[in-house]
Amino acid sequence: MSVNWDNLIGSHFKNKNKIDFGTILEMVSKQMESLPPVTEELKTQTRAERFLLSLPKFTPSEAWGDPNSQARLEMERYFKRVGGKSLAGKLEWLQRIQEPPGKRGPKVQRVISSLIILESLASCVNDFSDPSAGFVFEGFLAALLGGHQVSGPVSGNLPIEDIMAFSVAGVGVPMSLKLLRHGGSVKGSYTNLIDAMEKYPEMIYVVAYKTKEGGKTGAITIGEFKITRENVLDIVAHRNEHLLKIKTKIPGFDLTPDDLIAMAHTGKWEELYPILQRTAGYSRTPTHVQPAPDQEPSEDQNAPEIDVETSVLEEGLYPIIHIPPPAILTEGKGDIQWHLTQADLASRDLGAWKELAVLNIDPEHLKKVVIDYSKVLNNEIMTLFETVKELSENLNLFYIEENRNAALKRGEKAINNAQDIETQASAQVEASKKEDTP
């Protein structure tokens, strides 16, 4: 049966401007002419986009900070492929994939692992609000560094260490993490910092600055600086010297912030820590109590604050400050903070900051990485990942499609996908065997 398209179209548009099949073809032709030509470059970019979409996707969470969680175990195989024995080494390993490959280029496993990890990092900073992103970022770094996330208060206060990196049997390297917008300040509790220095000889601060591009984070600059018992007061005094003033007057002996800094430089931490608990920034009842020899601890909870005595060590540079018993001191109401700006960290005066890596996680940049490594990620490998993705989609639709005829067609496509995957995977295994043969 022949169809008179002109009559059908004319009937449909009888109350509108006159239009026929020839007019429609002309309109379509003009639209097609306005489209950009399909060049080899466009084909390559499209293929790179499809490959990125076909890679396994993992939703980052705080669970990554728990070595025993299922979410962490799923990602562990990718994080374990990241080389380097330190934070700097692992970040450099990830950053190197952003550079054009050399003559030999890395193995395909490294390229794929790096892309999956960088996409996960992008999810950390772009798919969560700022407060939540910070916690998720802690889980990400804990997994990257083979450690565990520290959560919950310890002895009644929140520890400043967010993760214990490279941890074995619960022991590791304490790190405090800060995920900030570009230009943001590093800040934290002065009391918790002083107490942390009593617990650890040094604390590594990892600071990640986000650079926004088009409303989302396009790159992250990651660096570190160390706070030790020797330099902690230099760092506090750089912008918050008032926190180091002694709260209680001590007859015959008046310590200035400079005196305390000098004590820190000479390694007198055991003598210094009790004194720092009497500084203006410290808001907790001192835990190191050392009554004077001729003074018994008071049992009166309401006893007024009294003067304290001092005695000088013959071989020491500084006197021991006898701290009154806890009953005489009261808890501070507020949690006073120290802070440093981004400019402070980079200043020569402080000399604390060390930039480790800039990780570009912009989707357009990751697409360029795929194109740069197209010789490593050959067409066969890309096709294999794309086919696996198609298999997953077809199986899902086979089970949830309400129209059973459409569902059966999806099931048939899934069968074809599985057969193609078997063929493609077998070829890749054989090729890998040849590469590993000396």
Protein backbone atom coordinates (compact mmCIF):
# COMPACT_ATOMS: atom_id res chain seq x y z
CA MET A 1 0.00 0.00 0.00
CA SER A 2 1.52 3.29 -1.08
CA VAL A 3 1.47 6.31 1.19
CA ASN A 4 0.85 9.81 -0.11
CA TRP A 5 3.06 11.76 2.27
CA ASP A 6 2.07 15.12 0.82
CA ASN A 7 -1.62 14.43 1.57
CA LEU A 8 -0.85 13.18 5.10
CA ILE A 9 1.36 16.14 5.94
CA GLY A 10 -1.07 18.58 4.34
CA SER A 11 -3.92 17.09 6.34
CA HIS A 12 -1.93 17.39 9.58
CA PHE A 13 -1.04 21.04 8.92
CA LYS A 14 -4.31 22.06 7.22
CA ASN A 15 -4.93 24.87 9.69
CA LYS A 16 -1.32 25.99 9.70
CA ASN A 17 1.03 27.43 7.16
CA LYS A 18 1.21 25.26 4.06
CA ILE A 19 3.96 22.66 4.36
CA ASP A 20 4.76 19.50 2.41
CA PHE A 21 7.24 16.64 2.53
CA GLY A 22 9.74 18.48 0.34
CA THR A 23 9.75 21.45 2.74
CA ILE A 24 10.47 19.15 5.67
CA LEU A 25 13.41 17.55 3.83
CA GLU A 26 14.80 20.99 3.09
CA MET A 27 14.50 21.97 6.77
CA VAL A 28 16.24 18.78 7.89
CA SER A 29 18.98 19.28 5.31
CA LYS A 30 19.70 22.79 6.57
CA GLN A 31 19.91 21.53 10.14
CA MET A 32 22.33 18.78 9.12
CA GLU A 33 24.54 21.31 7.31
CA SER A 34 24.78 23.39 10.49
CA LEU A 35 26.17 20.46 12.49
CA PRO A 36 29.95 20.29 12.91
CA PRO A 37 31.68 17.71 10.70
CA VAL A 38 32.47 14.37 12.31
CA THR A 39 36.27 14.55 12.35
CA GLU A 40 38.74 11.97 13.62
CA GLU A 41 39.45 14.27 16.55
CA LEU A 42 35.76 14.32 17.49
CA LYS A 43 35.58 10.55 17.19
CA THR A 44 38.60 10.20 19.51
CA GLN A 45 37.09 12.54 22.10
CA THR A 46 33.78 10.69 22.00
CA ARG A 47 35.58 7.38 22.45
CA ALA A 48 37.49 8.77 25.43
CA GLU A 49 34.23 9.95 27.03
CA ARG A 50 32.64 6.54 26.53
CA PHE A 51 35.66 4.81 28.05
CA LEU A 52 35.62 7.02 31.17
CA LEU A 53 31.91 6.28 31.59
CA SER A 54 32.60 2.55 31.29
CA LEU A 55 35.17 2.48 34.14
CA PRO A 56 34.00 1.07 37.51
CA LYS A 57 32.47 3.76 39.70
CA PHE A 58 32.91 3.74 43.47
CA THR A 59 31.05 6.01 45.88
CA PRO A 60 33.58 7.42 48.38
CA SER A 61 32.54 7.51 52.02
CA GLU A 62 33.93 7.57 55.54
CA ALA A 63 33.76 3.78 55.40
CA TRP A 64 36.93 3.89 53.30
CA GLY A 65 38.69 4.92 56.51
CA ASP A 66 37.86 1.56 58.11
CA PRO A 67 40.22 -1.18 56.83
CA ASN A 68 37.62 -3.84 57.70
CA SER A 69 34.64 -2.28 55.92
CA GLN A 70 33.32 -3.83 52.70
CA ALA A 71 33.59 -0.46 50.92
CA ARG A 72 37.30 -0.25 51.79
CA LEU A 73 37.95 -3.85 50.72
CA GLU A 74 36.37 -3.14 47.31
CA MET A 75 38.73 -0.23 46.71
CA GLU A 76 41.81 -1.79 48.30
CA ARG A 77 42.95 -3.51 45.08
CA TYR A 78 43.14 -0.12 43.32
CA PHE A 79 44.84 1.77 46.16
CA LYS A 80 47.41 -0.99 46.58
CA ARG A 81 48.57 -0.42 42.99
CA VAL A 82 49.60 3.16 43.86
CA GLY A 83 53.38 3.23 44.25
CA GLY A 84 55.43 5.26 46.72
CA LYS A 85 56.16 4.65 50.38
CA SER A 86 55.17 8.09 51.63
CA LEU A 87 52.40 10.62 51.07
CA ALA A 88 54.66 12.54 48.68
CA GLY A 89 55.54 9.36 46.77
CA LYS A 90 51.93 8.26 46.33
CA LEU A 91 50.76 11.70 45.21
CA GLU A 92 53.65 11.90 42.75
CA TRP A 93 52.60 8.49 41.39
CA LEU A 94 49.08 9.79 40.75
CA GLN A 95 50.29 13.11 39.37
CA ARG A 96 52.62 11.44 36.86
CA ILE A 97 49.67 9.97 34.94
CA GLN A 98 48.67 13.54 34.04
CA GLU A 99 51.88 13.99 32.05
CA PRO A 100 52.25 12.76 28.45
CA PRO A 101 53.61 9.20 28.33
CA GLY A 102 57.21 8.53 27.41
CA LYS A 103 58.37 6.15 24.72
CA ARG A 104 57.54 3.04 26.72
CA GLY A 105 54.66 4.44 28.75
CA PRO A 106 53.12 2.83 31.84
CA LYS A 107 51.23 -0.44 31.84
CA VAL A 108 47.50 -0.41 31.24
CA GLN A 109 46.84 -1.48 34.86
CA ARG A 110 48.48 1.69 36.13
CA VAL A 111 46.54 3.96 33.80
CA ILE A 112 43.19 2.40 34.67
CA SER A 113 43.87 2.36 38.44
CA SER A 114 44.95 6.03 38.36
CA LEU A 115 41.84 7.09 36.44
CA ILE A 116 39.52 5.24 38.83
CA ILE A 117 41.23 6.79 41.89
CA LEU A 118 41.22 10.31 40.41
CA GLU A 119 37.52 9.99 39.54
CA SER A 120 36.87 8.88 43.12
CA LEU A 121 38.77 11.90 44.42
CA ALA A 122 36.63 14.12 42.19
CA SER A 123 33.53 12.57 43.78
CA CYS A 124 34.94 13.28 47.27
CA VAL A 125 35.14 17.02 46.70
CA ASN A 126 32.26 17.59 44.27
CA ASP A 127 29.45 15.31 45.41
CA PHE A 128 29.29 16.38 49.05
CA SER A 129 28.79 19.59 51.00
CA ASP A 130 31.93 21.19 52.43
CA PRO A 131 31.68 19.68 55.95
CA SER A 132 30.85 16.20 54.63
CA ALA A 133 33.51 16.40 51.93
CA GLY A 134 36.15 16.88 54.62
CA PHE A 135 35.19 13.64 56.37
CA VAL A 136 35.00 11.72 53.10
CA PHE A 137 38.40 13.11 52.09
CA GLU A 138 39.80 11.71 55.36
CA GLY A 139 38.49 8.28 54.40
CA PHE A 140 40.02 8.63 50.92
CA LEU A 141 43.48 9.49 52.27
CA ALA A 142 43.29 6.80 54.93
CA ALA A 143 42.71 4.22 52.18
CA LEU A 144 45.39 5.72 49.90
CA LEU A 145 47.96 5.63 52.73
CA GLY A 146 47.04 2.20 54.05
CA GLY A 147 45.82 3.58 57.36
CA HIS A 148 42.64 4.13 59.30
CA GLN A 149 40.45 7.09 60.15
CA VAL A 150 40.31 8.37 63.73
CA SER A 151 36.80 9.19 64.87
CA GLY A 152 35.17 9.95 68.18
CA PRO A 153 36.58 11.68 71.25
CA VAL A 154 39.60 10.37 73.11
CA SER A 155 39.68 10.99 76.88
CA GLY A 156 36.83 13.46 76.52
CA ASN A 157 38.23 15.59 73.72
CA LEU A 158 38.33 15.33 69.94
CA PRO A 159 41.83 14.41 68.76
CA ILE A 160 43.47 16.56 66.09
CA GLU A 161 44.77 13.49 64.27
CA ASP A 162 42.20 12.60 61.59
CA ILE A 163 43.96 9.50 60.31
CA MET A 164 46.75 7.17 61.32
CA ALA A 165 48.62 6.59 58.05
CA PHE A 166 50.58 3.42 57.22
CA SER A 167 49.08 1.83 60.31
CA VAL A 168 49.97 -1.68 61.39
CA ALA A 169 48.16 -3.19 64.38
CA GLY A 170 46.67 0.19 65.23
CA VAL A 171 50.00 2.06 65.21
CA GLY A 172 50.81 4.56 62.48
CA VAL A 173 51.76 8.10 61.52
CA PRO A 174 49.32 10.71 62.92
CA MET A 175 48.04 13.18 60.33
CA SER A 176 45.62 16.08 60.59
CA LEU A 177 43.82 16.85 57.32
CA LYS A 178 42.38 20.12 56.05
CA LEU A 179 40.31 20.36 52.84
CA LEU A 180 40.00 24.08 52.05
CA ARG A 181 38.94 26.43 49.34
CA HIS A 182 41.77 28.34 47.69
CA GLY A 183 42.91 31.03 50.14
CA GLY A 184 41.35 29.31 53.16
CA SER A 185 42.98 29.31 56.59
CA VAL A 186 44.24 26.36 58.59
CA LYS A 187 42.76 26.53 62.06
CA GLY A 188 42.21 24.36 65.09
CA SER A 189 41.88 24.15 68.84
CA TYR A 190 44.93 25.49 70.67
CA THR A 191 44.16 23.26 73.66
CA ASN A 192 43.91 20.12 71.53
CA LEU A 193 47.11 21.05 69.69
CA ILE A 194 49.10 21.42 72.92
CA ASP A 195 47.70 18.14 74.26
CA ALA A 196 48.51 16.41 70.96
CA MET A 197 52.14 17.48 71.26
CA GLU A 198 52.24 15.75 74.64
CA LYS A 199 50.94 12.59 72.97
CA TYR A 200 53.02 12.75 69.77
CA PRO A 201 56.47 14.29 69.20
CA GLU A 202 55.24 15.60 65.83
CA MET A 203 52.01 15.94 63.83
CA ILE A 204 51.82 16.07 60.03
CA TYR A 205 49.25 18.53 58.68
CA VAL A 206 48.02 17.65 55.18
CA VAL A 207 46.37 20.64 53.51
CA ALA A 208 44.43 20.33 50.25
CA TYR A 209 43.38 23.54 48.48
CA LYS A 210 40.52 23.28 45.98
CA THR A 211 40.51 25.30 42.78
CA LYS A 212 37.04 25.84 41.33
CA GLU A 213 36.34 25.65 37.61
CA GLY A 214 32.80 26.14 36.36
CA GLY A 215 31.27 25.66 39.81
CA LYS A 216 33.13 22.42 40.54
CA THR A 217 36.59 21.63 41.81
CA GLY A 218 38.89 21.25 38.83
CA ALA A 219 42.18 20.71 40.64
CA ILE A 220 43.49 20.06 44.15
CA THR A 221 46.83 21.33 45.39
CA ILE A 222 48.05 19.10 48.22
CA GLY A 223 50.91 19.93 50.55
CA GLU A 224 52.06 19.28 54.09
CA PHE A 225 53.82 20.84 57.04
CA LYS A 226 54.97 19.38 60.33
CA ILE A 227 54.25 20.65 63.79
CA THR A 228 56.75 19.41 66.35
CA ARG A 229 57.43 20.07 70.01
CA GLU A 230 60.25 22.36 68.91
CA ASN A 231 58.32 24.49 66.39
CA VAL A 232 54.73 24.37 67.71
CA LEU A 233 55.04 27.69 69.52
CA ASP A 234 56.66 29.38 66.51
CA ILE A 235 53.64 28.36 64.45
CA VAL A 236 51.13 29.53 67.07
CA ALA A 237 52.99 32.80 67.71
CA HIS A 238 53.21 33.61 63.98
CA ARG A 239 49.63 34.95 64.11
CA ASN A 240 48.30 34.15 67.60
CA GLU A 241 51.01 35.13 70.08
CA HIS A 242 48.40 36.30 72.61
CA LEU A 243 47.48 32.65 73.22
CA LEU A 244 50.92 32.11 74.79
CA LYS A 245 50.54 34.62 77.60
CA ILE A 246 50.54 33.12 81.09
CA LYS A 247 47.05 33.40 82.65
CA THR A 248 48.15 33.32 86.29
CA LYS A 249 50.81 35.63 87.72
CA ILE A 250 53.69 33.74 89.26
CA PRO A 251 55.51 35.72 91.96
CA GLY A 252 59.13 36.38 91.16
CA PHE A 253 58.99 34.85 87.72
CA ASP A 254 57.19 36.18 84.64
CA LEU A 255 57.40 34.07 81.46
CA THR A 256 56.80 35.85 78.17
CA PRO A 257 55.82 34.13 74.88
CA ASP A 258 59.45 34.54 73.78
CA ASP A 259 60.60 32.69 76.91
CA LEU A 260 58.26 29.81 76.12
CA ILE A 261 59.44 29.68 72.50
CA ALA A 262 63.04 29.56 73.69
CA MET A 263 62.19 26.65 76.00
CA ALA A 264 60.62 24.78 73.09
CA HIS A 265 63.72 25.33 70.94
CA THR A 266 65.96 23.82 73.63
CA GLY A 267 63.85 20.66 73.89
CA LYS A 268 62.46 21.35 77.37
CA TRP A 269 59.04 19.88 76.59
CA GLU A 270 58.62 18.05 79.92
CA GLU A 271 59.06 21.34 81.71
CA LEU A 272 57.17 23.32 79.09
CA TYR A 273 53.94 21.31 78.84
CA PRO A 274 52.71 22.05 82.40
CA ILE A 275 53.40 25.74 81.80
CA LEU A 276 51.52 25.78 78.49
CA GLN A 277 48.46 24.49 80.35
CA ARG A 278 48.45 27.83 82.17
CA THR A 279 48.52 29.96 79.00
CA ALA A 280 45.64 32.13 77.83
CA GLY A 281 44.70 29.82 74.96
CA TYR A 282 44.44 26.66 77.04
CA SER A 283 40.85 25.93 78.09
CA ARG A 284 41.05 22.57 79.84
CA THR A 285 41.95 21.64 83.41
CA PRO A 286 45.67 20.81 83.49
CA THR A 287 46.38 17.10 83.62
CA HIS A 288 50.03 17.33 84.67
CA VAL A 289 49.77 18.47 88.28
CA GLN A 290 52.91 19.00 90.32
CA PRO A 291 52.21 20.45 93.79
CA ALA A 292 54.98 22.35 95.56
CA PRO A 293 56.98 20.19 98.02
CA ASP A 294 55.54 21.97 101.07
CA GLN A 295 51.98 22.12 99.73
CA GLU A 296 49.40 19.34 99.95
CA PRO A 297 46.60 19.20 97.32
CA SER A 298 43.51 21.01 98.49
CA GLU A 299 40.30 19.03 99.01
CA ASP A 300 38.15 22.16 98.84
CA GLN A 301 36.46 22.31 95.43
CA ASN A 302 35.64 26.00 95.95
CA ALA A 303 39.10 27.04 97.09
CA PRO A 304 40.27 30.33 95.57
CA GLU A 305 43.26 30.38 93.24
CA ILE A 306 46.50 30.79 95.17
CA ASP A 307 49.99 31.94 94.33
CA VAL A 308 52.38 29.17 93.36
CA GLU A 309 56.01 28.82 94.28
CA THR A 310 58.92 28.22 92.00
CA SER A 311 62.20 26.41 92.43
CA VAL A 312 65.18 26.50 90.09
CA LEU A 313 67.10 23.48 88.88
CA GLU A 314 70.80 24.01 89.34
CA GLU A 315 71.67 22.48 85.97
CA GLY A 316 68.57 23.68 84.10
CA LEU A 317 67.92 26.90 82.23
CA TYR A 318 64.36 27.36 83.46
CA PRO A 319 62.50 26.85 86.72
CA ILE A 320 59.94 24.12 87.20
CA ILE A 321 56.53 25.72 87.56
CA HIS A 322 54.52 23.95 90.25
CA ILE A 323 50.96 23.68 88.95
CA PRO A 324 48.18 23.73 91.56
CA PRO A 325 46.01 20.63 91.93
CA PRO A 326 43.01 20.22 89.59
CA ALA A 327 40.55 21.23 92.29
CA ILE A 328 41.88 24.77 92.21
CA LEU A 329 41.59 25.18 88.43
CA THR A 330 38.39 25.33 86.41
CA GLU A 331 37.55 24.18 82.89
CA GLY A 332 37.60 26.86 80.21
CA LYS A 333 34.23 27.71 78.72
CA GLY A 334 35.42 28.35 75.17
CA ASP A 335 37.64 26.46 72.74
CA ILE A 336 40.17 29.05 71.57
CA GLN A 337 41.64 28.52 68.11
CA TRP A 338 44.97 29.21 66.45
CA HIS A 339 45.10 29.79 62.70
CA LEU A 340 47.38 30.36 59.73
CA THR A 341 46.45 31.79 56.36
CA GLN A 342 47.55 30.26 53.06
CA ALA A 343 50.00 33.14 52.69
CA ASP A 344 51.40 32.39 56.17
CA LEU A 345 52.16 28.81 55.23
CA ALA A 346 54.00 29.90 52.10
CA SER A 347 55.94 32.69 53.82
CA ARG A 348 59.71 32.44 54.19
CA ASP A 349 59.46 33.45 57.84
CA LEU A 350 57.55 30.31 58.72
CA GLY A 351 59.05 27.98 56.12
CA ALA A 352 56.62 25.23 57.05
CA TRP A 353 54.68 24.51 53.86
CA LYS A 354 55.81 22.04 51.23
CA GLU A 355 53.71 21.52 48.10
CA LEU A 356 53.57 17.85 47.15
CA ALA A 357 51.33 17.60 44.08
CA VAL A 358 48.61 19.21 42.00
CA LEU A 359 45.97 16.67 40.95
CA ASN A 360 43.77 17.80 38.07
CA ILE A 361 40.41 16.05 38.39
CA ASP A 362 38.45 18.05 35.83
CA PRO A 363 36.49 15.66 33.53
CA GLU A 364 37.88 17.38 30.44
CA HIS A 365 41.41 16.83 31.70
CA LEU A 366 40.76 13.16 32.48
CA LYS A 367 39.40 12.78 28.96
CA LYS A 368 42.66 14.25 27.64
CA VAL A 369 44.61 11.71 29.74
CA VAL A 370 42.70 8.90 28.02
CA ILE A 371 43.52 10.39 24.62
CA ASP A 372 47.21 10.83 25.52
CA TYR A 373 47.40 7.20 26.61
CA SER A 374 45.37 5.86 23.68
CA LYS A 375 48.32 3.68 22.59
CA VAL A 376 48.37 2.04 26.02
CA LEU A 377 44.57 1.92 26.19
CA ASN A 378 44.19 0.42 22.75
CA ASN A 379 40.86 -0.02 20.99
CA GLU A 380 40.52 -3.61 22.20
CA ILE A 381 40.82 -2.64 25.87
CA MET A 382 38.41 0.28 25.50
CA THR A 383 35.94 -1.94 23.69
CA LEU A 384 36.16 -4.55 26.43
CA PHE A 385 35.27 -2.05 29.17
CA GLU A 386 32.46 -0.56 27.08
CA THR A 387 31.03 -4.03 26.45
CA VAL A 388 31.11 -4.84 30.17
CA LYS A 389 29.15 -1.63 30.83
CA GLU A 390 26.62 -2.56 28.12
CA LEU A 391 26.23 -6.03 29.65
CA SER A 392 25.40 -4.52 33.03
CA GLU A 393 22.85 -2.12 31.52
CA ASN A 394 21.18 -4.82 29.42
CA LEU A 395 20.91 -7.22 32.37
CA ASN A 396 19.37 -4.49 34.54
CA LEU A 397 16.78 -3.67 31.89
CA PHE A 398 16.07 -7.36 31.30
CA TYR A 399 14.88 -7.64 34.89
CA ILE A 400 13.11 -4.30 35.37
CA GLU A 401 11.59 -3.60 31.92
CA GLU A 402 7.78 -3.83 32.17
CA ASN A 403 7.38 -4.61 28.47
CA ARG A 404 8.47 -8.25 28.32
CA ASN A 405 9.18 -8.20 24.58
CA ALA A 406 11.56 -5.31 25.13
CA ALA A 407 13.00 -7.12 28.16
CA LEU A 408 13.69 -10.27 26.12
CA LYS A 409 15.51 -8.22 23.48
CA ARG A 410 17.69 -6.78 26.24
CA GLY A 411 18.36 -10.28 27.49
CA GLU A 412 19.47 -11.37 24.02
CA LYS A 413 21.79 -8.36 23.83
CA ALA A 414 23.23 -9.31 27.22
CA ILE A 415 23.99 -12.80 25.89
CA ASN A 416 25.81 -11.28 22.93
CA ASN A 417 27.70 -8.94 25.29
CA ALA A 418 28.82 -11.88 27.43
CA GLN A 419 30.06 -13.76 24.37
CA ASP A 420 31.96 -10.69 23.14
CA ILE A 421 33.49 -10.18 26.59
CA GLU A 422 34.72 -13.80 26.65
CA THR A 423 36.36 -13.37 23.26
CA GLN A 424 37.88 -9.96 24.06
CA ALA A 425 39.07 -10.96 27.54
CA SER A 426 40.71 -14.13 26.20
CA ALA A 427 42.62 -12.05 23.67
CA GLN A 428 43.78 -9.65 26.38
CA VAL A 429 44.94 -12.50 28.63
CA GLU A 430 46.96 -14.03 25.81
CA ALA A 431 48.50 -10.64 24.95
CA SER A 432 49.41 -10.11 28.62
CA LYS A 433 51.10 -13.52 28.76
CA LYS A 434 53.28 -12.58 25.79
CA GLU A 435 54.25 -9.25 27.43
CA ASP A 436 55.25 -11.01 30.67
CA THR A 437 57.32 -13.62 28.88
CA PRO A 438 61.05 -12.69 28.99
